[in-house]
Amino acid sequence: MSAIRVVVVDDSSLCRAVLREILERDGDIEVVGEAADGAEARTEILRLRPQLATVDIEMPGTDGLTAIGRIMAETPLSILVVTGRGAEERSHTLFEAVRRGALDLFPKPSPGRPEEARALRALVRRLAAVPVVRHLPTRSTRPAPVDVALEGKGRIRVIGIGASAGGPAAVAEVLSGLPRDTPACVAVVQHLLPGFARPFADFLRHHSALDVRLVEQEVPSRPGTVFVAPDDRHLVAGPGDRFMPIDAPPESGHRPAVDVLFHSLAKIHGSAAAGVVLSGMGDDGTRGLAAIARAGGLTLAQGEEGCAVYGMPKAAVERGAASRALPVGEIAGVLEGATRGKPTGP
């Protein structure tokens, strides 16, 4: 089996050397090229055609954000942002990189922390196998509400959204289409490494008219509010229209897990709940989405076209958990229609 071909992009020659040593340690990953800025990265990627690039964001000349946008429009490949500064300091920049096409974020491994190096190699292996899509610049417009068939059910009062790799951009797009007066609340589980939950919530605030809150303790639910799962804890709905973080064990290797949130929504809110599965690897969310469907709620998945990683949505569709698969740009309109109790649909 041939080695995974990687280009490392960082303005620091020392950081490039460290990443090369870490990535090539097990022999199944080969660093075929290096670049010190975004312009050089674009040239090397066009020349070498690697499966994946690790990219730092802040570099002289053409920075990482600009490079990612150009690369994903011209010669798309799996991109992993490897950042050396605290996520808190660069929240919008980091997740803007994901919005432009990067699949995931990872902090630069610390010296003497072999577990971080192993985790980086494992993530590179997973991301290198992901088919990627071309990203072209688009102007965001809020979709009109879409009528949906509710089959006699009442209005949707709570929306659960789950995503993984490539998901932050899709989550932001869905939320950007929901108006401030949305008569439902939204709960979001996004697979992230510890330390990125608060920056993710900050990123969503830039793209949503709704009130975005990171759930670090039990809170009452409110219409027009987005509740984001915290670092390394599950997010669940509780009695009395509340959300809370819990320390239950990981489910299918994830904490927070989409399935845990969705199962709680099915149990607490039943037919008043909607579940949405967006871009991501694996099948987290499928079982919980099926529980929402059995409870009479609305279940949606992102369609394959334009989906950064068509893994989680594909699993939900193929196993019958999602009643409809839609382009990400249409999901907000369907949800808004459901929250306002529209009686008819396609």
C-alpha atoms as a PDB file:
ATOM      1  CA  MET A   1       0.000   0.000   0.000  1.00  0.00           C
ATOM      2  CA  SER A   2       1.462   3.376  -1.028  1.00  0.00           C
ATOM      3  CA  ALA A   3       2.195   6.028   1.579  1.00  0.00           C
ATOM      4  CA  ILE A   4      -0.113   9.018   2.086  1.00  0.00           C
ATOM      5  CA  ARG A   5       1.407  12.008   0.267  1.00  0.00           C
ATOM      6  CA  VAL A   6       1.435  15.233   2.327  1.00  0.00           C
ATOM      7  CA  VAL A   7       2.643  18.796   1.788  1.00  0.00           C
ATOM      8  CA  VAL A   8       3.501  20.756   4.959  1.00  0.00           C
ATOM      9  CA  VAL A   9       2.894  24.518   4.837  1.00  0.00           C
ATOM     10  CA  ASP A  10       4.402  26.693   7.604  1.00  0.00           C
ATOM     11  CA  ASP A  11       6.618  29.769   7.589  1.00  0.00           C
ATOM     12  CA  SER A  12       8.832  28.236  10.292  1.00  0.00           C
ATOM     13  CA  SER A  13      11.439  25.788   8.975  1.00  0.00           C
ATOM     14  CA  LEU A  14      11.697  24.311  12.481  1.00  0.00           C
ATOM     15  CA  CYS A  15       7.941  23.655  12.612  1.00  0.00           C
ATOM     16  CA  ARG A  16       8.069  22.069   9.158  1.00  0.00           C
ATOM     17  CA  ALA A  17      10.893  19.785  10.291  1.00  0.00           C
ATOM     18  CA  VAL A  18       9.033  18.786  13.458  1.00  0.00           C
ATOM     19  CA  LEU A  19       5.829  18.039  11.520  1.00  0.00           C
ATOM     20  CA  ARG A  20       7.772  16.017   8.948  1.00  0.00           C
ATOM     21  CA  GLU A  21       9.358  13.917  11.691  1.00  0.00           C
ATOM     22  CA  ILE A  22       6.014  13.347  13.422  1.00  0.00           C
ATOM     23  CA  LEU A  23       4.097  12.483  10.261  1.00  0.00           C
ATOM     24  CA  GLU A  24       6.693  10.114   8.808  1.00  0.00           C
ATOM     25  CA  ARG A  25       7.354   8.239  12.056  1.00  0.00           C
ATOM     26  CA  ASP A  26       5.201   5.160  11.263  1.00  0.00           C
ATOM     27  CA  GLY A  27       6.252   4.899   7.626  1.00  0.00           C
ATOM     28  CA  ASP A  28       2.777   5.160   6.081  1.00  0.00           C
ATOM     29  CA  ILE A  29       2.823   8.955   5.587  1.00  0.00           C
ATOM     30  CA  GLU A  30       5.343  10.709   3.333  1.00  0.00           C
ATOM     31  CA  VAL A  31       5.958  14.465   3.346  1.00  0.00           C
ATOM     32  CA  VAL A  32       6.570  15.014  -0.365  1.00  0.00           C
ATOM     33  CA  GLY A  33       6.920  18.781  -0.197  1.00  0.00           C
ATOM     34  CA  GLU A  34       7.156  21.858   2.019  1.00  0.00           C
ATOM     35  CA  ALA A  35       6.139  25.490   1.600  1.00  0.00           C
ATOM     36  CA  ALA A  36       6.847  28.631   3.612  1.00  0.00           C
ATOM     37  CA  ASP A  37       3.840  30.679   2.509  1.00  0.00           C
ATOM     38  CA  GLY A  38       0.530  30.390   0.718  1.00  0.00           C
ATOM     39  CA  ALA A  39       1.827  31.216  -2.753  1.00  0.00           C
ATOM     40  CA  GLU A  40       4.541  28.585  -2.521  1.00  0.00           C
ATOM     41  CA  ALA A  41       1.991  26.123  -1.139  1.00  0.00           C
ATOM     42  CA  ARG A  42      -0.264  26.596  -4.153  1.00  0.00           C
ATOM     43  CA  THR A  43       2.676  25.980  -6.504  1.00  0.00           C
ATOM     44  CA  GLU A  44       3.847  22.864  -4.665  1.00  0.00           C
ATOM     45  CA  ILE A  45       0.347  21.400  -4.439  1.00  0.00           C
ATOM     46  CA  LEU A  46      -0.220  21.911  -8.162  1.00  0.00           C
ATOM     47  CA  ARG A  47       3.147  20.297  -8.900  1.00  0.00           C
ATOM     48  CA  LEU A  48       3.057  17.387  -6.456  1.00  0.00           C
ATOM     49  CA  ARG A  49      -0.688  16.594  -6.250  1.00  0.00           C
ATOM     50  CA  PRO A  50      -0.602  15.364  -2.621  1.00  0.00           C
ATOM     51  CA  GLN A  51      -3.585  13.788  -0.872  1.00  0.00           C
ATOM     52  CA  LEU A  52      -3.426  16.234   2.037  1.00  0.00           C
ATOM     53  CA  ALA A  53      -1.809  19.497   3.103  1.00  0.00           C
ATOM     54  CA  THR A  54      -1.209  20.728   6.630  1.00  0.00           C
ATOM     55  CA  VAL A  55      -1.498  24.521   6.619  1.00  0.00           C
ATOM     56  CA  ASP A  56      -0.656  27.176   9.190  1.00  0.00           C
ATOM     57  CA  ILE A  57      -2.777  30.333   8.982  1.00  0.00           C
ATOM     58  CA  GLU A  58      -0.525  33.276   9.830  1.00  0.00           C
ATOM     59  CA  MET A  59       2.328  33.465   7.315  1.00  0.00           C
ATOM     60  CA  PRO A  60       4.076  36.326   5.516  1.00  0.00           C
ATOM     61  CA  GLY A  61       3.051  37.073   1.952  1.00  0.00           C
ATOM     62  CA  THR A  62       0.043  34.981   0.954  1.00  0.00           C
ATOM     63  CA  ASP A  63      -1.486  33.836   4.244  1.00  0.00           C
ATOM     64  CA  GLY A  64      -3.155  30.505   4.945  1.00  0.00           C
ATOM     65  CA  LEU A  65      -6.715  31.775   4.538  1.00  0.00           C
ATOM     66  CA  THR A  66      -6.046  33.161   1.080  1.00  0.00           C
ATOM     67  CA  ALA A  67      -4.157  30.031   0.062  1.00  0.00           C
ATOM     68  CA  ILE A  68      -6.921  27.690   1.244  1.00  0.00           C
ATOM     69  CA  GLY A  69      -9.538  29.609  -0.718  1.00  0.00           C
ATOM     70  CA  ARG A  70      -7.474  29.503  -3.913  1.00  0.00           C
ATOM     71  CA  ILE A  71      -6.439  25.871  -3.536  1.00  0.00           C
ATOM     72  CA  MET A  72      -9.973  24.641  -2.879  1.00  0.00           C
ATOM     73  CA  ALA A  73     -11.261  26.536  -5.927  1.00  0.00           C
ATOM     74  CA  GLU A  74      -8.514  25.320  -8.262  1.00  0.00           C
ATOM     75  CA  THR A  75      -7.203  21.943  -7.120  1.00  0.00           C
ATOM     76  CA  PRO A  76      -9.185  20.710  -4.112  1.00  0.00           C
ATOM     77  CA  LEU A  77      -7.616  18.322  -1.621  1.00  0.00           C
ATOM     78  CA  SER A  78      -7.912  17.498   2.063  1.00  0.00           C
ATOM     79  CA  ILE A  79      -6.568  20.390   4.148  1.00  0.00           C
ATOM     80  CA  LEU A  80      -5.820  20.208   7.863  1.00  0.00           C
ATOM     81  CA  VAL A  81      -5.141  23.505   9.643  1.00  0.00           C
ATOM     82  CA  VAL A  82      -2.321  22.963  12.150  1.00  0.00           C
ATOM     83  CA  THR A  83      -2.215  25.982  14.410  1.00  0.00           C
ATOM     84  CA  GLY A  84       0.452  27.019  16.869  1.00  0.00           C
ATOM     85  CA  ARG A  85      -1.375  29.710  18.841  1.00  0.00           C
ATOM     86  CA  GLY A  86      -4.278  29.503  21.238  1.00  0.00           C
ATOM     87  CA  ALA A  87      -7.610  28.954  19.556  1.00  0.00           C
ATOM     88  CA  GLU A  88      -9.151  31.619  21.775  1.00  0.00           C
ATOM     89  CA  GLU A  89      -6.937  34.259  20.130  1.00  0.00           C
ATOM     90  CA  ARG A  90      -7.828  33.300  16.579  1.00  0.00           C
ATOM     91  CA  SER A  91     -11.346  31.912  16.720  1.00  0.00           C
ATOM     92  CA  HIS A  92     -12.806  33.630  13.688  1.00  0.00           C
ATOM     93  CA  THR A  93      -9.689  33.124  11.559  1.00  0.00           C
ATOM     94  CA  LEU A  94      -9.445  29.413  12.342  1.00  0.00           C
ATOM     95  CA  PHE A  95     -13.058  28.626  11.544  1.00  0.00           C
ATOM     96  CA  GLU A  96     -12.992  30.920   8.526  1.00  0.00           C
ATOM     97  CA  ALA A  97     -10.335  28.518   7.209  1.00  0.00           C
ATOM     98  CA  VAL A  98     -12.833  25.679   7.608  1.00  0.00           C
ATOM     99  CA  ARG A  99     -15.524  27.749   5.919  1.00  0.00           C
ATOM    100  CA  ARG A 100     -13.188  28.154   2.938  1.00  0.00           C
ATOM    101  CA  GLY A 101     -12.660  24.402   2.618  1.00  0.00           C
ATOM    102  CA  ALA A 102     -10.293  23.067   5.301  1.00  0.00           C
ATOM    103  CA  LEU A 103     -11.666  19.889   6.836  1.00  0.00           C
ATOM    104  CA  ASP A 104     -10.434  20.167  10.415  1.00  0.00           C
ATOM    105  CA  LEU A 105      -8.217  21.920  12.971  1.00  0.00           C
ATOM    106  CA  PHE A 106      -5.361  20.569  15.092  1.00  0.00           C
ATOM    107  CA  PRO A 107      -2.980  22.318  17.524  1.00  0.00           C
ATOM    108  CA  LYS A 108       0.718  21.900  16.821  1.00  0.00           C
ATOM    109  CA  PRO A 109       1.873  18.931  18.937  1.00  0.00           C
ATOM    110  CA  SER A 110       3.811  19.865  22.061  1.00  0.00           C
ATOM    111  CA  PRO A 111       7.340  18.454  22.619  1.00  0.00           C
ATOM    112  CA  GLY A 112       7.296  15.393  24.838  1.00  0.00           C
ATOM    113  CA  ARG A 113       3.600  14.645  24.163  1.00  0.00           C
ATOM    114  CA  PRO A 114       3.642  11.475  22.029  1.00  0.00           C
ATOM    115  CA  GLU A 115      -0.130  11.085  22.361  1.00  0.00           C
ATOM    116  CA  GLU A 116      -0.603  14.359  20.471  1.00  0.00           C
ATOM    117  CA  ALA A 117       1.705  13.166  17.697  1.00  0.00           C
ATOM    118  CA  ARG A 118      -0.221   9.892  17.423  1.00  0.00           C
ATOM    119  CA  ALA A 119      -3.522  11.764  17.308  1.00  0.00           C
ATOM    120  CA  LEU A 120      -2.214  13.996  14.510  1.00  0.00           C
ATOM    121  CA  ARG A 121      -1.108  11.012  12.424  1.00  0.00           C
ATOM    122  CA  ALA A 122      -4.446   9.276  12.978  1.00  0.00           C
ATOM    123  CA  LEU A 123      -6.352  12.378  11.864  1.00  0.00           C
ATOM    124  CA  VAL A 124      -4.184  12.754   8.750  1.00  0.00           C
ATOM    125  CA  ARG A 125      -4.933   9.134   7.817  1.00  0.00           C
ATOM    126  CA  ARG A 126      -8.682   9.684   8.158  1.00  0.00           C
ATOM    127  CA  LEU A 127      -8.778  12.997   6.312  1.00  0.00           C
ATOM    128  CA  ALA A 128      -6.538  11.838   3.470  1.00  0.00           C
ATOM    129  CA  ALA A 129      -9.182   9.260   2.530  1.00  0.00           C
ATOM    130  CA  VAL A 130     -11.990  11.835   2.304  1.00  0.00           C
ATOM    131  CA  PRO A 131     -13.234  12.797  -1.176  1.00  0.00           C
ATOM    132  CA  VAL A 132     -13.303  16.596  -1.264  1.00  0.00           C
ATOM    133  CA  VAL A 133     -15.385  19.068  -3.243  1.00  0.00           C
ATOM    134  CA  ARG A 134     -14.429  22.234  -5.056  1.00  0.00           C
ATOM    135  CA  HIS A 135     -15.216  25.408  -3.102  1.00  0.00           C
ATOM    136  CA  LEU A 136     -16.166  28.463  -5.135  1.00  0.00           C
ATOM    137  CA  PRO A 137     -16.806  31.915  -3.649  1.00  0.00           C
ATOM    138  CA  THR A 138     -20.521  32.478  -3.061  1.00  0.00           C
ATOM    139  CA  ARG A 139     -22.643  35.276  -1.702  1.00  0.00           C
ATOM    140  CA  SER A 140     -24.844  34.228   1.199  1.00  0.00           C
ATOM    141  CA  THR A 141     -28.542  35.025   0.991  1.00  0.00           C
ATOM    142  CA  ARG A 142     -31.224  34.109   3.477  1.00  0.00           C
ATOM    143  CA  PRO A 143     -33.606  31.533   1.952  1.00  0.00           C
ATOM    144  CA  ALA A 144     -37.359  31.984   2.023  1.00  0.00           C
ATOM    145  CA  PRO A 145     -39.294  29.713   4.392  1.00  0.00           C
ATOM    146  CA  VAL A 146     -40.252  26.416   2.770  1.00  0.00           C
ATOM    147  CA  ASP A 147     -43.509  24.673   3.575  1.00  0.00           C
ATOM    148  CA  VAL A 148     -43.084  21.147   4.900  1.00  0.00           C
ATOM    149  CA  ALA A 149     -45.602  18.386   5.412  1.00  0.00           C
ATOM    150  CA  LEU A 150     -46.015  17.979   9.173  1.00  0.00           C
ATOM    151  CA  GLU A 151     -48.668  15.253   8.972  1.00  0.00           C
ATOM    152  CA  GLY A 152     -50.786  16.743  11.718  1.00  0.00           C
ATOM    153  CA  LYS A 153     -47.925  17.395  14.111  1.00  0.00           C
ATOM    154  CA  GLY A 154     -47.496  20.646  15.958  1.00  0.00           C
ATOM    155  CA  ARG A 155     -44.761  23.132  15.316  1.00  0.00           C
ATOM    156  CA  ILE A 156     -41.102  22.241  15.711  1.00  0.00           C
ATOM    157  CA  ARG A 157     -39.898  23.868  18.947  1.00  0.00           C
ATOM    158  CA  VAL A 158     -36.331  22.555  19.145  1.00  0.00           C
ATOM    159  CA  ILE A 159     -33.785  21.807  16.419  1.00  0.00           C
ATOM    160  CA  GLY A 160     -30.755  19.584  16.889  1.00  0.00           C
ATOM    161  CA  ILE A 161     -27.804  19.898  14.491  1.00  0.00           C
ATOM    162  CA  GLY A 162     -24.881  17.472  14.372  1.00  0.00           C
ATOM    163  CA  ALA A 163     -21.680  17.696  12.328  1.00  0.00           C
ATOM    164  CA  SER A 164     -18.051  16.607  12.198  1.00  0.00           C
ATOM    165  CA  ALA A 165     -15.253  17.160   9.639  1.00  0.00           C
ATOM    166  CA  GLY A 166     -16.162  19.965   7.273  1.00  0.00           C
ATOM    167  CA  GLY A 167     -19.175  20.732   9.422  1.00  0.00           C
ATOM    168  CA  PRO A 168     -18.502  24.214  10.856  1.00  0.00           C
ATOM    169  CA  ALA A 169     -19.136  25.867   7.499  1.00  0.00           C
ATOM    170  CA  ALA A 170     -22.368  23.929   6.997  1.00  0.00           C
ATOM    171  CA  VAL A 171     -23.569  24.704  10.541  1.00  0.00           C
ATOM    172  CA  ALA A 172     -22.839  28.403   9.991  1.00  0.00           C
ATOM    173  CA  GLU A 173     -24.724  28.388   6.693  1.00  0.00           C
ATOM    174  CA  VAL A 174     -27.822  26.789   8.219  1.00  0.00           C
ATOM    175  CA  LEU A 175     -27.816  29.174  11.171  1.00  0.00           C
ATOM    176  CA  SER A 176     -27.282  32.192   8.916  1.00  0.00           C
ATOM    177  CA  GLY A 177     -30.584  31.362   7.220  1.00  0.00           C
ATOM    178  CA  LEU A 178     -32.635  31.409  10.433  1.00  0.00           C
ATOM    179  CA  PRO A 179     -34.042  34.842  11.396  1.00  0.00           C
ATOM    180  CA  ARG A 180     -33.713  36.398  14.835  1.00  0.00           C
ATOM    181  CA  ASP A 181     -37.393  35.751  15.573  1.00  0.00           C
ATOM    182  CA  THR A 182     -37.182  31.999  14.890  1.00  0.00           C
ATOM    183  CA  PRO A 183     -39.780  30.463  17.260  1.00  0.00           C
ATOM    184  CA  ALA A 184     -37.520  27.536  18.193  1.00  0.00           C
ATOM    185  CA  CYS A 185     -34.167  26.970  19.837  1.00  0.00           C
ATOM    186  CA  VAL A 186     -31.206  25.165  18.253  1.00  0.00           C
ATOM    187  CA  ALA A 187     -28.762  22.750  19.898  1.00  0.00           C
ATOM    188  CA  VAL A 188     -25.464  22.068  18.110  1.00  0.00           C
ATOM    189  CA  VAL A 189     -22.984  19.229  18.527  1.00  0.00           C
ATOM    190  CA  GLN A 190     -19.845  19.656  16.428  1.00  0.00           C
ATOM    191  CA  HIS A 191     -16.984  17.185  16.783  1.00  0.00           C
ATOM    192  CA  LEU A 192     -13.973  19.266  17.841  1.00  0.00           C
ATOM    193  CA  LEU A 193     -10.746  18.723  19.722  1.00  0.00           C
ATOM    194  CA  PRO A 194     -10.769  20.080  23.301  1.00  0.00           C
ATOM    195  CA  GLY A 195     -10.095  23.813  23.331  1.00  0.00           C
ATOM    196  CA  PHE A 196     -12.051  24.637  20.184  1.00  0.00           C
ATOM    197  CA  ALA A 197     -15.656  24.737  21.490  1.00  0.00           C
ATOM    198  CA  ARG A 198     -15.629  28.345  22.662  1.00  0.00           C
ATOM    199  CA  PRO A 199     -13.907  29.617  19.495  1.00  0.00           C
ATOM    200  CA  PHE A 200     -16.488  27.667  17.483  1.00  0.00           C
ATOM    201  CA  ALA A 201     -19.308  29.408  19.349  1.00  0.00           C
ATOM    202  CA  ASP A 202     -17.605  32.756  18.688  1.00  0.00           C
ATOM    203  CA  PHE A 203     -17.363  31.880  14.994  1.00  0.00           C
ATOM    204  CA  LEU A 204     -21.081  31.067  14.839  1.00  0.00           C
ATOM    205  CA  ARG A 205     -21.926  34.459  16.357  1.00  0.00           C
ATOM    206  CA  HIS A 206     -20.370  36.079  13.292  1.00  0.00           C
ATOM    207  CA  HIS A 207     -22.712  34.130  11.012  1.00  0.00           C
ATOM    208  CA  SER A 208     -26.023  34.078  12.863  1.00  0.00           C
ATOM    209  CA  ALA A 209     -28.644  36.574  13.967  1.00  0.00           C
ATOM    210  CA  LEU A 210     -29.550  34.182  16.789  1.00  0.00           C
ATOM    211  CA  ASP A 211     -28.154  34.380  20.315  1.00  0.00           C
ATOM    212  CA  VAL A 212     -25.294  31.814  20.496  1.00  0.00           C
ATOM    213  CA  ARG A 213     -24.380  30.320  23.876  1.00  0.00           C
ATOM    214  CA  LEU A 214     -21.826  27.739  24.939  1.00  0.00           C
ATOM    215  CA  VAL A 215     -23.506  25.366  27.408  1.00  0.00           C
ATOM    216  CA  GLU A 216     -21.136  24.967  30.362  1.00  0.00           C
ATOM    217  CA  GLN A 217     -23.888  24.536  32.969  1.00  0.00           C
ATOM    218  CA  GLU A 218     -27.621  23.766  32.965  1.00  0.00           C
ATOM    219  CA  VAL A 219     -29.580  26.511  31.197  1.00  0.00           C
ATOM    220  CA  PRO A 220     -33.240  27.093  30.244  1.00  0.00           C
ATOM    221  CA  SER A 221     -33.989  26.803  26.542  1.00  0.00           C
ATOM    222  CA  ARG A 222     -35.251  29.903  24.742  1.00  0.00           C
ATOM    223  CA  PRO A 223     -36.552  30.508  21.215  1.00  0.00           C
ATOM    224  CA  GLY A 224     -34.072  32.249  18.958  1.00  0.00           C
ATOM    225  CA  THR A 225     -31.093  30.829  20.863  1.00  0.00           C
ATOM    226  CA  VAL A 226     -28.334  28.451  19.728  1.00  0.00           C
ATOM    227  CA  PHE A 227     -26.897  26.168  22.420  1.00  0.00           C
ATOM    228  CA  VAL A 228     -23.432  24.803  21.583  1.00  0.00           C
ATOM    229  CA  ALA A 229     -21.943  21.673  23.165  1.00  0.00           C
ATOM    230  CA  PRO A 230     -18.889  22.388  25.353  1.00  0.00           C
ATOM    231  CA  ASP A 231     -15.453  20.776  25.212  1.00  0.00           C
ATOM    232  CA  ASP A 232     -15.400  17.045  25.994  1.00  0.00           C
ATOM    233  CA  ARG A 233     -18.942  16.843  27.439  1.00  0.00           C
ATOM    234  CA  HIS A 234     -22.207  15.657  25.960  1.00  0.00           C
ATOM    235  CA  LEU A 235     -25.040  18.145  25.423  1.00  0.00           C
ATOM    236  CA  VAL A 236     -28.533  16.887  26.292  1.00  0.00           C
ATOM    237  CA  ALA A 237     -32.063  18.203  26.615  1.00  0.00           C
ATOM    238  CA  GLY A 238     -33.569  17.839  30.064  1.00  0.00           C
ATOM    239  CA  PRO A 239     -37.022  18.118  31.652  1.00  0.00           C
ATOM    240  CA  GLY A 240     -38.514  21.554  31.940  1.00  0.00           C
ATOM    241  CA  ASP A 241     -37.189  22.826  28.598  1.00  0.00           C
ATOM    242  CA  ARG A 242     -33.568  22.887  29.663  1.00  0.00           C
ATOM    243  CA  PHE A 243     -30.174  21.980  28.201  1.00  0.00           C
ATOM    244  CA  MET A 244     -27.260  20.679  30.207  1.00  0.00           C
ATOM    245  CA  PRO A 245     -23.753  19.248  29.762  1.00  0.00           C
ATOM    246  CA  ILE A 246     -23.141  15.744  31.126  1.00  0.00           C
ATOM    247  CA  ASP A 247     -19.995  13.699  31.729  1.00  0.00           C
ATOM    248  CA  ALA A 248     -21.248  10.345  30.442  1.00  0.00           C
ATOM    249  CA  PRO A 249     -18.698   8.145  28.620  1.00  0.00           C
ATOM    250  CA  PRO A 250     -17.961   8.788  24.951  1.00  0.00           C
ATOM    251  CA  GLU A 251     -20.375   7.216  22.484  1.00  0.00           C
ATOM    252  CA  SER A 252     -18.898   5.669  19.343  1.00  0.00           C
ATOM    253  CA  GLY A 253     -15.653   7.390  20.297  1.00  0.00           C
ATOM    254  CA  HIS A 254     -17.185  10.857  20.519  1.00  0.00           C
ATOM    255  CA  ARG A 255     -17.819  13.266  23.387  1.00  0.00           C
ATOM    256  CA  PRO A 256     -19.837  15.290  22.680  1.00  0.00           C
ATOM    257  CA  ALA A 257     -21.799  12.872  20.496  1.00  0.00           C
ATOM    258  CA  VAL A 258     -24.613  13.778  18.136  1.00  0.00           C
ATOM    259  CA  ASP A 259     -26.477  10.569  18.988  1.00  0.00           C
ATOM    260  CA  VAL A 260     -26.599  11.507  22.672  1.00  0.00           C
ATOM    261  CA  LEU A 261     -28.156  14.888  21.896  1.00  0.00           C
ATOM    262  CA  PHE A 262     -30.653  13.487  19.397  1.00  0.00           C
ATOM    263  CA  HIS A 263     -31.804  10.678  21.711  1.00  0.00           C
ATOM    264  CA  SER A 264     -32.476  13.264  24.431  1.00  0.00           C
ATOM    265  CA  LEU A 265     -34.453  15.436  22.009  1.00  0.00           C
ATOM    266  CA  ALA A 266     -36.591  12.458  20.984  1.00  0.00           C
ATOM    267  CA  LYS A 267     -37.249  11.575  24.614  1.00  0.00           C
ATOM    268  CA  ILE A 268     -38.006  15.089  25.890  1.00  0.00           C
ATOM    269  CA  HIS A 269     -39.541  16.841  22.881  1.00  0.00           C
ATOM    270  CA  GLY A 270     -40.872  14.026  20.689  1.00  0.00           C
ATOM    271  CA  SER A 271     -42.702  15.269  17.593  1.00  0.00           C
ATOM    272  CA  ALA A 272     -41.758  18.883  18.413  1.00  0.00           C
ATOM    273  CA  ALA A 273     -38.094  18.078  17.686  1.00  0.00           C
ATOM    274  CA  ALA A 274     -36.144  18.263  14.425  1.00  0.00           C
ATOM    275  CA  GLY A 275     -32.766  16.656  13.806  1.00  0.00           C
ATOM    276  CA  VAL A 276     -30.276  17.638  11.095  1.00  0.00           C
ATOM    277  CA  VAL A 277     -27.090  15.754  10.182  1.00  0.00           C
ATOM    278  CA  LEU A 278     -24.454  17.739   8.289  1.00  0.00           C
ATOM    279  CA  SER A 279     -20.969  17.092   6.904  1.00  0.00           C
ATOM    280  CA  GLY A 280     -18.807  14.626   8.801  1.00  0.00           C
ATOM    281  CA  MET A 281     -17.005  11.293   8.866  1.00  0.00           C
ATOM    282  CA  GLY A 282     -18.596   8.156  10.311  1.00  0.00           C
ATOM    283  CA  ASP A 283     -22.202   7.605  11.350  1.00  0.00           C
ATOM    284  CA  ASP A 284     -22.655   9.549  14.600  1.00  0.00           C
ATOM    285  CA  GLY A 285     -26.183  10.957  14.613  1.00  0.00           C
ATOM    286  CA  THR A 286     -27.857   8.188  12.602  1.00  0.00           C
ATOM    287  CA  ARG A 287     -29.255   6.269  15.583  1.00  0.00           C
ATOM    288  CA  GLY A 288     -30.390   9.421  17.355  1.00  0.00           C
ATOM    289  CA  LEU A 289     -31.974  10.755  14.170  1.00  0.00           C
ATOM    290  CA  ALA A 290     -33.889   7.491  13.846  1.00  0.00           C
ATOM    291  CA  ALA A 291     -35.151   7.985  17.415  1.00  0.00           C
ATOM    292  CA  ILE A 292     -36.448  11.461  16.503  1.00  0.00           C
ATOM    293  CA  ALA A 293     -38.170   9.978  13.444  1.00  0.00           C
ATOM    294  CA  ARG A 294     -39.838   7.282  15.587  1.00  0.00           C
ATOM    295  CA  ALA A 295     -41.033  10.024  17.956  1.00  0.00           C
ATOM    296  CA  GLY A 296     -42.708  11.791  15.034  1.00  0.00           C
ATOM    297  CA  GLY A 297     -40.164  14.586  14.608  1.00  0.00           C
ATOM    298  CA  LEU A 298     -38.620  16.046  11.462  1.00  0.00           C
ATOM    299  CA  THR A 299     -35.346  14.481  10.255  1.00  0.00           C
ATOM    300  CA  LEU A 300     -33.065  15.993   7.601  1.00  0.00           C
ATOM    301  CA  ALA A 301     -29.604  15.340   6.194  1.00  0.00           C
ATOM    302  CA  GLN A 302     -27.291  17.397   4.034  1.00  0.00           C
ATOM    303  CA  GLY A 303     -27.318  16.188   0.432  1.00  0.00           C
ATOM    304  CA  GLU A 304     -24.201  14.881  -1.256  1.00  0.00           C
ATOM    305  CA  GLU A 305     -23.746  17.763  -3.691  1.00  0.00           C
ATOM    306  CA  GLY A 306     -21.484  20.365  -2.113  1.00  0.00           C
ATOM    307  CA  CYS A 307     -21.105  18.371   1.123  1.00  0.00           C
ATOM    308  CA  ALA A 308     -17.490  18.576   2.323  1.00  0.00           C
ATOM    309  CA  VAL A 309     -17.540  15.049   3.806  1.00  0.00           C
ATOM    310  CA  TYR A 310     -20.518  12.927   2.817  1.00  0.00           C
ATOM    311  CA  GLY A 311     -20.154  10.353   5.595  1.00  0.00           C
ATOM    312  CA  MET A 312     -22.565  11.118   8.435  1.00  0.00           C
ATOM    313  CA  PRO A 313     -25.329  12.376   6.109  1.00  0.00           C
ATOM    314  CA  LYS A 314     -24.910   9.349   3.844  1.00  0.00           C
ATOM    315  CA  ALA A 315     -25.268   6.969   6.788  1.00  0.00           C
ATOM    316  CA  ALA A 316     -28.431   8.765   7.939  1.00  0.00           C
ATOM    317  CA  VAL A 317     -29.969   8.602   4.464  1.00  0.00           C
ATOM    318  CA  GLU A 318     -28.993   5.010   3.656  1.00  0.00           C
ATOM    319  CA  ARG A 319     -30.333   3.697   6.971  1.00  0.00           C
ATOM    320  CA  GLY A 320     -33.625   5.539   6.603  1.00  0.00           C
ATOM    321  CA  ALA A 321     -33.102   7.856   9.584  1.00  0.00           C
ATOM    322  CA  ALA A 322     -33.342  11.036   7.491  1.00  0.00           C
ATOM    323  CA  SER A 323     -36.671  11.651   5.776  1.00  0.00           C
ATOM    324  CA  ARG A 324     -35.104  14.101   3.308  1.00  0.00           C
ATOM    325  CA  ALA A 325     -31.637  14.962   1.985  1.00  0.00           C
ATOM    326  CA  LEU A 326     -31.282  18.607   0.944  1.00  0.00           C
ATOM    327  CA  PRO A 327     -28.596  21.000  -0.280  1.00  0.00           C
ATOM    328  CA  VAL A 328     -27.270  22.853   2.743  1.00  0.00           C
ATOM    329  CA  GLY A 329     -28.633  26.126   1.372  1.00  0.00           C
ATOM    330  CA  GLU A 330     -32.207  24.814   1.531  1.00  0.00           C
ATOM    331  CA  ILE A 331     -32.148  23.394   5.052  1.00  0.00           C
ATOM    332  CA  ALA A 332     -32.774  26.659   6.920  1.00  0.00           C
ATOM    333  CA  GLY A 333     -35.877  27.389   4.836  1.00  0.00           C
ATOM    334  CA  VAL A 334     -37.323  23.972   5.609  1.00  0.00           C
ATOM    335  CA  LEU A 335     -36.581  24.366   9.307  1.00  0.00           C
ATOM    336  CA  GLU A 336     -38.100  27.822   9.457  1.00  0.00           C
ATOM    337  CA  GLY A 337     -41.242  26.556   7.750  1.00  0.00           C
ATOM    338  CA  ALA A 338     -41.458  23.714  10.284  1.00  0.00           C
ATOM    339  CA  THR A 339     -41.045  26.051  13.250  1.00  0.00           C
ATOM    340  CA  ARG A 340     -43.981  28.105  11.987  1.00  0.00           C
ATOM    341  CA  GLY A 341     -46.213  25.057  11.522  1.00  0.00           C
ATOM    342  CA  LYS A 342     -46.612  25.183   7.753  1.00  0.00           C
ATOM    343  CA  PRO A 343     -49.237  22.558   6.871  1.00  0.00           C
ATOM    344  CA  THR A 344     -48.262  21.695   3.286  1.00  0.00           C
ATOM    345  CA  GLY A 345     -45.135  20.693   1.484  1.00  0.00           C
ATOM    346  CA  PRO A 346     -43.532  19.049  -1.504  1.00  0.00           C
END
